[in-house]
Amino acid sequence: MGVFDTLRATIAGSFLAAAVLAGAGTGVAAADGKKAEEALRNFDRAMLSILRRGQAELTARTRPVMLIARDVTVVTQDGETTYPRDGKGYNELKTVSHVLLGIIGAVTPWPQDDAGKARMKTEFAVIRTEIRTFLSAIDGLDLPADTIAKQREMLGMADMFIDEWLSAETLTRAEVSAAINRMRPVWSANMRDAARVELEALHRAVTAARDDLSADDWQRIYVVSHGGPDVRAVNVVRLYLQRVMPGKMDAGQVLFAVDTHGKDKMIDYAGYVRMQRIVGAWAFGDPKRMEVDLLGYEAGAILDEIIPASTPEKAYLE
């Protein structure tokens, strides 16, 4: 082998060695990265497991607790007692009023083509059939005669509107609005009657539960009610609790569990909220701090930095 060949082999060997070393370095780095990620996951699991253990023990000690759902249930360390919340006529009044939901559902989204119109026609036909079937049996409801008459009036209006449309096969948004406006007085009266029945039944149940509790238990009790997210502010139960338990509302002992159903989950929610308050108090000196996104207080300034302001509209400058 000549000098040139020897030199070329040496250079090639050097490049090969460098490549091997680089590849080995990449492999080591990748292995180290995976090890770090696994350690991070294990760290997170351990921290959250300890937090949840504390929360589970706190939840178990959250007694007594009053759960307001279909009925009112008081859970203590010794067991539980249920107080029926079965206002006569509530379900009937509320259910009959759902005819309005059916009409709105039938025209949503507003049909833009033949398939949409066919779908709407089919759904209106279903509503008409259900109205007439129900009307033939409505006198069997255990409701006063004048209340039955109101139900007949509202359903009759809906039936007439649908019958006219199915005959004409043309419908405008204005005609739907007019039909709903005609039904609204009876529909609203139904809702008022249903609300009265619900509030009276709730008050009986809560009063009975409170009478069975000692003064000390009543002082310590947490109250958990549930409902949908869209009605958490103006909610029948919340409005009632604001009236009869203002002190507990102010003390944070009344909790609203959004879309949380079932005894165990509602109690778990009470434990979760209490744990969040403990975290806020320890970490920030503010029990309510965890009700805000941890980044929430900083987000405004950060958004100011990353999103340029546009020219204000003239209305804002005058």
Protein backbone atom coordinates (compact mmCIF):
# COMPACT_ATOMS: atom_id res chain seq x y z
CA MET A 1 0.00 0.00 0.00
CA GLY A 2 1.36 3.40 -1.01
CA VAL A 3 1.65 6.48 1.14
CA PHE A 4 -1.42 7.96 -0.53
CA ASP A 5 -3.47 4.83 0.04
CA THR A 6 -2.35 4.70 3.67
CA LEU A 7 -3.32 8.34 4.18
CA ARG A 8 -6.72 7.81 2.56
CA ALA A 9 -7.41 4.76 4.75
CA THR A 10 -6.42 6.72 7.84
CA ILE A 11 -8.74 9.60 6.95
CA ALA A 12 -11.64 7.20 6.23
CA GLY A 13 -11.01 5.44 9.52
CA SER A 14 -11.08 8.76 11.32
CA PHE A 15 -14.40 9.71 9.78
CA LEU A 16 -15.82 6.27 10.63
CA ALA A 17 -14.66 6.55 14.21
CA ALA A 18 -16.16 10.01 14.51
CA ALA A 19 -19.45 8.77 13.11
CA VAL A 20 -19.50 5.85 15.54
CA LEU A 21 -18.74 8.14 18.45
CA ALA A 22 -21.42 10.59 17.33
CA GLY A 23 -23.94 7.80 16.97
CA ALA A 24 -23.02 6.47 20.37
CA GLY A 25 -23.45 9.96 21.81
CA THR A 26 -26.89 10.26 20.23
CA GLY A 27 -27.88 6.88 21.63
CA VAL A 28 -26.71 7.85 25.09
CA ALA A 29 -28.58 11.15 24.87
CA ALA A 30 -31.76 9.39 23.73
CA ALA A 31 -31.49 6.86 26.52
CA ASP A 32 -30.91 9.61 29.04
CA GLY A 33 -33.93 11.50 27.70
CA LYS A 34 -36.22 8.48 28.04
CA LYS A 35 -34.88 7.85 31.52
CA ALA A 36 -35.59 11.44 32.49
CA GLU A 37 -39.12 11.31 31.05
CA GLU A 38 -39.87 8.08 32.91
CA ALA A 39 -38.50 9.56 36.12
CA LEU A 40 -40.67 12.63 35.57
CA ARG A 41 -43.79 10.50 35.08
CA ASN A 42 -43.01 8.48 38.20
CA PHE A 43 -42.42 11.70 40.13
CA ASP A 44 -45.78 13.09 38.97
CA ARG A 45 -47.61 9.88 39.86
CA ALA A 46 -46.06 9.83 43.31
CA MET A 47 -46.91 13.45 44.07
CA LEU A 48 -50.49 13.16 42.84
CA SER A 49 -50.95 9.82 44.59
CA ILE A 50 -49.98 11.42 47.88
CA LEU A 51 -52.30 14.37 47.20
CA ARG A 52 -55.18 12.02 46.36
CA ARG A 53 -54.55 9.98 49.47
CA GLY A 54 -54.92 13.15 51.52
CA GLN A 55 -58.02 14.10 49.54
CA ALA A 56 -59.57 10.65 50.06
CA GLU A 57 -59.06 10.87 53.82
CA LEU A 58 -60.43 14.40 53.86
CA THR A 59 -63.46 13.24 51.84
CA ALA A 60 -64.12 10.43 54.32
CA ARG A 61 -64.09 12.99 57.14
CA THR A 62 -66.45 15.37 55.32
CA ARG A 63 -69.38 14.45 57.50
CA PRO A 64 -72.12 15.34 57.85
CA VAL A 65 -72.89 16.29 54.26
CA MET A 66 -76.27 17.11 52.73
CA LEU A 67 -76.76 16.03 49.13
CA ILE A 68 -79.50 17.71 47.14
CA ALA A 69 -80.41 15.71 44.06
CA ARG A 70 -83.67 13.92 43.29
CA ASP A 71 -84.13 13.71 47.06
CA VAL A 72 -82.33 15.30 50.00
CA THR A 73 -79.90 12.88 51.65
CA VAL A 74 -77.90 13.53 54.81
CA VAL A 75 -74.79 11.37 55.22
CA THR A 76 -73.17 11.18 58.66
CA GLN A 77 -70.48 8.98 60.17
CA ASP A 78 -73.26 6.67 61.38
CA GLY A 79 -75.14 6.26 58.11
CA GLU A 80 -77.53 8.19 55.92
CA THR A 81 -81.11 9.40 55.91
CA THR A 82 -83.12 10.33 52.83
CA TYR A 83 -85.87 12.93 52.84
CA PRO A 84 -88.19 12.64 49.80
CA ARG A 85 -88.43 15.62 47.50
CA ASP A 86 -91.39 14.49 45.46
CA GLY A 87 -93.52 17.54 44.75
CA LYS A 88 -96.84 16.43 43.28
CA GLY A 89 -97.17 17.45 39.66
CA TYR A 90 -93.61 18.75 39.17
CA ASN A 91 -92.52 16.13 36.65
CA GLU A 92 -95.82 16.31 34.79
CA LEU A 93 -95.75 20.10 34.43
CA LYS A 94 -92.13 20.18 33.38
CA THR A 95 -92.48 17.29 30.94
CA VAL A 96 -95.54 18.65 29.14
CA SER A 97 -93.63 21.91 28.64
CA HIS A 98 -91.03 19.97 26.67
CA VAL A 99 -93.30 20.24 23.63
CA LEU A 100 -91.56 23.57 23.03
CA LEU A 101 -88.18 21.82 23.00
CA GLY A 102 -89.44 19.38 20.41
CA ILE A 103 -90.57 22.18 18.11
CA ILE A 104 -87.28 24.03 18.45
CA GLY A 105 -85.34 20.81 17.87
CA ALA A 106 -87.34 20.07 14.71
CA VAL A 107 -86.35 23.36 13.07
CA THR A 108 -82.69 23.21 14.19
CA PRO A 109 -80.60 23.56 12.15
CA TRP A 110 -82.97 25.38 9.83
CA PRO A 111 -83.40 23.17 6.74
CA GLN A 112 -81.55 24.41 3.69
CA ASP A 113 -82.29 21.60 1.24
CA ASP A 114 -84.84 18.91 0.45
CA ALA A 115 -83.24 16.44 2.87
CA GLY A 116 -83.48 18.95 5.70
CA LYS A 117 -87.10 19.75 4.87
CA ALA A 118 -87.95 16.04 4.78
CA ARG A 119 -86.29 15.55 8.17
CA MET A 120 -88.24 18.47 9.65
CA LYS A 121 -91.51 17.17 8.20
CA THR A 122 -90.89 13.74 9.71
CA GLU A 123 -90.07 15.17 13.12
CA PHE A 124 -93.12 17.43 13.15
CA ALA A 125 -95.27 14.43 12.26
CA VAL A 126 -93.78 12.57 15.24
CA ILE A 127 -94.55 15.53 17.54
CA ARG A 128 -98.15 15.68 16.29
CA THR A 129 -98.65 11.94 16.83
CA GLU A 130 -97.18 12.11 20.34
CA ILE A 131 -99.33 15.13 21.24
CA ARG A 132 -102.53 13.41 20.12
CA THR A 133 -101.66 10.13 21.82
CA PHE A 134 -100.87 11.96 25.05
CA LEU A 135 -104.01 14.11 24.89
CA SER A 136 -106.14 10.96 24.68
CA ALA A 137 -104.71 9.87 28.04
CA ILE A 138 -104.03 13.20 29.77
CA ASP A 139 -107.08 13.07 32.05
CA GLY A 140 -105.41 10.17 33.84
CA LEU A 141 -102.76 12.48 35.31
CA ASP A 142 -103.19 13.17 39.01
CA LEU A 143 -103.50 16.92 38.52
CA PRO A 144 -106.26 19.46 39.26
CA ALA A 145 -108.79 19.99 36.49
CA ASP A 146 -107.69 23.57 35.81
CA THR A 147 -104.07 22.42 35.50
CA ILE A 148 -105.10 19.70 33.03
CA ALA A 149 -106.96 22.35 31.06
CA LYS A 150 -103.79 24.45 30.78
CA GLN A 151 -101.87 21.46 29.46
CA ARG A 152 -104.58 20.82 26.87
CA GLU A 153 -104.47 24.46 25.80
CA MET A 154 -100.71 24.49 25.24
CA LEU A 155 -100.62 21.14 23.47
CA GLY A 156 -103.60 22.14 21.36
CA MET A 157 -101.76 25.27 20.18
CA ALA A 158 -98.74 23.19 19.23
CA ASP A 159 -100.89 20.62 17.44
CA MET A 160 -102.71 23.30 15.43
CA PHE A 161 -99.44 24.95 14.38
CA ILE A 162 -97.93 21.65 13.25
CA ASP A 163 -101.11 20.54 11.48
CA GLU A 164 -101.29 23.79 9.53
CA TRP A 165 -97.66 23.54 8.49
CA LEU A 166 -97.89 19.90 7.44
CA SER A 167 -100.87 20.84 5.26
CA ALA A 168 -99.22 23.90 3.70
CA GLU A 169 -95.69 22.44 3.60
CA THR A 170 -94.19 25.92 3.76
CA LEU A 171 -92.73 27.37 6.91
CA THR A 172 -90.83 30.52 7.83
CA ARG A 173 -88.85 31.43 10.90
CA ALA A 174 -91.40 34.17 11.63
CA GLU A 175 -94.21 31.59 11.72
CA VAL A 176 -92.28 29.44 14.21
CA SER A 177 -91.66 32.48 16.42
CA ALA A 178 -95.34 33.45 16.24
CA ALA A 179 -96.42 29.94 17.27
CA ILE A 180 -94.00 29.93 20.21
CA ASN A 181 -95.16 33.38 21.29
CA ARG A 182 -98.76 32.17 21.33
CA MET A 183 -97.78 29.25 23.57
CA ARG A 184 -95.48 31.24 25.86
CA PRO A 185 -98.09 32.53 28.36
CA VAL A 186 -99.30 29.00 29.12
CA TRP A 187 -95.77 27.61 28.98
CA SER A 188 -94.51 30.26 31.40
CA ALA A 189 -97.42 29.61 33.76
CA ASN A 190 -96.50 25.94 33.69
CA MET A 191 -92.93 26.79 34.64
CA ARG A 192 -94.09 28.97 37.53
CA ASP A 193 -96.33 26.19 38.81
CA ALA A 194 -93.49 23.66 38.48
CA ALA A 195 -91.07 25.97 40.29
CA ARG A 196 -93.54 26.45 43.16
CA VAL A 197 -94.03 22.69 43.50
CA GLU A 198 -90.27 22.09 43.42
CA LEU A 199 -89.46 24.80 45.97
CA GLU A 200 -92.18 23.71 48.37
CA ALA A 201 -91.02 20.08 48.20
CA LEU A 202 -87.38 21.10 48.61
CA HIS A 203 -88.19 23.29 51.60
CA ARG A 204 -90.09 20.46 53.30
CA ALA A 205 -87.20 18.05 52.80
CA VAL A 206 -84.44 20.45 53.89
CA THR A 207 -86.43 21.61 56.92
CA ALA A 208 -87.04 18.01 58.02
CA ALA A 209 -83.35 17.20 57.58
CA ARG A 210 -82.26 20.26 59.52
CA ASP A 211 -84.66 19.45 62.36
CA ASP A 212 -83.05 16.01 62.72
CA LEU A 213 -79.51 17.41 63.00
CA SER A 214 -77.84 18.63 66.16
CA ALA A 215 -76.69 22.25 66.34
CA ASP A 216 -73.07 21.07 66.06
CA ASP A 217 -73.77 18.91 62.99
CA TRP A 218 -75.65 21.74 61.33
CA GLN A 219 -72.73 24.07 61.98
CA ARG A 220 -70.28 21.67 60.31
CA ILE A 221 -72.43 20.28 57.49
CA TYR A 222 -71.51 20.79 53.83
CA VAL A 223 -74.35 21.05 51.32
CA VAL A 224 -73.78 19.76 47.79
CA SER A 225 -76.31 20.31 45.00
CA HIS A 226 -75.92 19.39 41.36
CA GLY A 227 -77.09 20.66 38.00
CA GLY A 228 -76.05 21.61 34.49
CA PRO A 229 -73.29 24.13 33.80
CA ASP A 230 -75.58 26.62 32.10
CA VAL A 231 -77.78 27.18 35.14
CA ARG A 232 -75.30 27.40 37.98
CA ALA A 233 -76.05 31.07 38.70
CA VAL A 234 -79.84 31.30 38.42
CA ASN A 235 -80.72 27.85 39.65
CA VAL A 236 -83.82 26.97 41.68
CA VAL A 237 -81.87 25.07 44.33
CA ARG A 238 -79.13 27.69 44.58
CA LEU A 239 -81.65 30.51 44.90
CA TYR A 240 -83.37 28.56 47.66
CA LEU A 241 -80.10 27.88 49.50
CA GLN A 242 -79.12 31.54 49.25
CA ARG A 243 -82.37 32.38 51.02
CA VAL A 244 -82.27 29.77 53.80
CA MET A 245 -78.50 29.33 54.29
CA PRO A 246 -76.84 32.70 53.64
CA GLY A 247 -74.25 32.04 56.33
CA LYS A 248 -73.25 28.73 54.79
CA MET A 249 -73.13 30.31 51.34
CA ASP A 250 -70.73 32.96 52.65
CA ALA A 251 -68.66 30.35 54.48
CA GLY A 252 -68.25 28.25 51.34
CA GLN A 253 -70.16 25.30 52.78
CA VAL A 254 -72.65 25.21 49.90
CA LEU A 255 -71.14 23.60 46.81
CA PHE A 256 -72.55 23.34 43.30
CA ALA A 257 -71.35 20.18 41.56
CA VAL A 258 -71.72 20.70 37.81
CA ASP A 259 -72.97 17.58 36.02
CA THR A 260 -72.04 15.41 39.00
CA HIS A 261 -74.59 12.72 39.78
CA GLY A 262 -74.79 10.00 42.38
CA LYS A 263 -74.18 10.01 46.12
CA ASP A 264 -70.54 8.93 46.07
CA LYS A 265 -69.50 11.36 43.34
CA MET A 266 -71.22 14.26 45.06
CA ILE A 267 -69.42 13.47 48.31
CA ASP A 268 -66.16 13.11 46.36
CA TYR A 269 -66.76 16.57 44.93
CA ALA A 270 -67.02 18.01 48.44
CA GLY A 271 -63.67 16.41 49.31
CA TYR A 272 -62.09 17.70 46.11
CA VAL A 273 -63.22 21.28 46.77
CA ARG A 274 -62.00 21.14 50.36
CA MET A 275 -58.62 19.80 49.21
CA GLN A 276 -58.31 22.58 46.63
CA ARG A 277 -58.97 25.12 49.36
CA ILE A 278 -56.28 23.59 51.56
CA VAL A 279 -53.78 23.74 48.68
CA GLY A 280 -54.68 27.37 48.04
CA ALA A 281 -54.37 28.29 51.70
CA TRP A 282 -50.98 26.58 52.15
CA ALA A 283 -49.43 27.62 48.84
CA PHE A 284 -50.82 31.13 48.41
CA GLY A 285 -52.46 32.14 51.66
CA ASP A 286 -55.76 32.25 49.76
CA PRO A 287 -58.24 29.34 50.01
CA LYS A 288 -59.97 30.51 46.81
CA ARG A 289 -56.78 30.79 44.75
CA MET A 290 -57.27 27.37 43.12
CA GLU A 291 -60.61 28.50 41.69
CA VAL A 292 -58.52 30.48 39.21
CA ASP A 293 -56.30 28.90 36.56
CA LEU A 294 -52.80 28.80 38.07
CA LEU A 295 -51.60 30.81 35.09
CA GLY A 296 -54.66 33.02 35.08
CA TYR A 297 -53.23 36.00 36.92
CA GLU A 298 -50.18 36.06 34.65
CA ALA A 299 -52.01 35.39 31.39
CA GLY A 300 -53.11 38.97 30.70
CA ALA A 301 -49.58 40.39 30.73
CA ILE A 302 -48.28 37.48 28.63
CA LEU A 303 -51.04 37.93 26.05
CA ASP A 304 -50.19 41.64 25.90
CA GLU A 305 -46.65 40.63 24.90
CA ILE A 306 -47.41 37.99 22.29
CA ILE A 307 -50.50 39.48 20.58
CA PRO A 308 -50.08 42.96 19.07
CA ALA A 309 -52.93 45.38 19.61
CA SER A 310 -54.96 46.38 16.55
CA THR A 311 -56.12 49.92 15.86
CA PRO A 312 -59.13 50.65 18.10
CA GLU A 313 -62.48 51.23 16.46
CA LYS A 314 -63.49 54.86 16.29
CA ALA A 315 -66.32 54.30 18.75
CA TYR A 316 -63.81 53.52 21.48
CA LEU A 317 -61.81 56.69 20.88
CA GLU A 318 -64.60 59.22 21.25
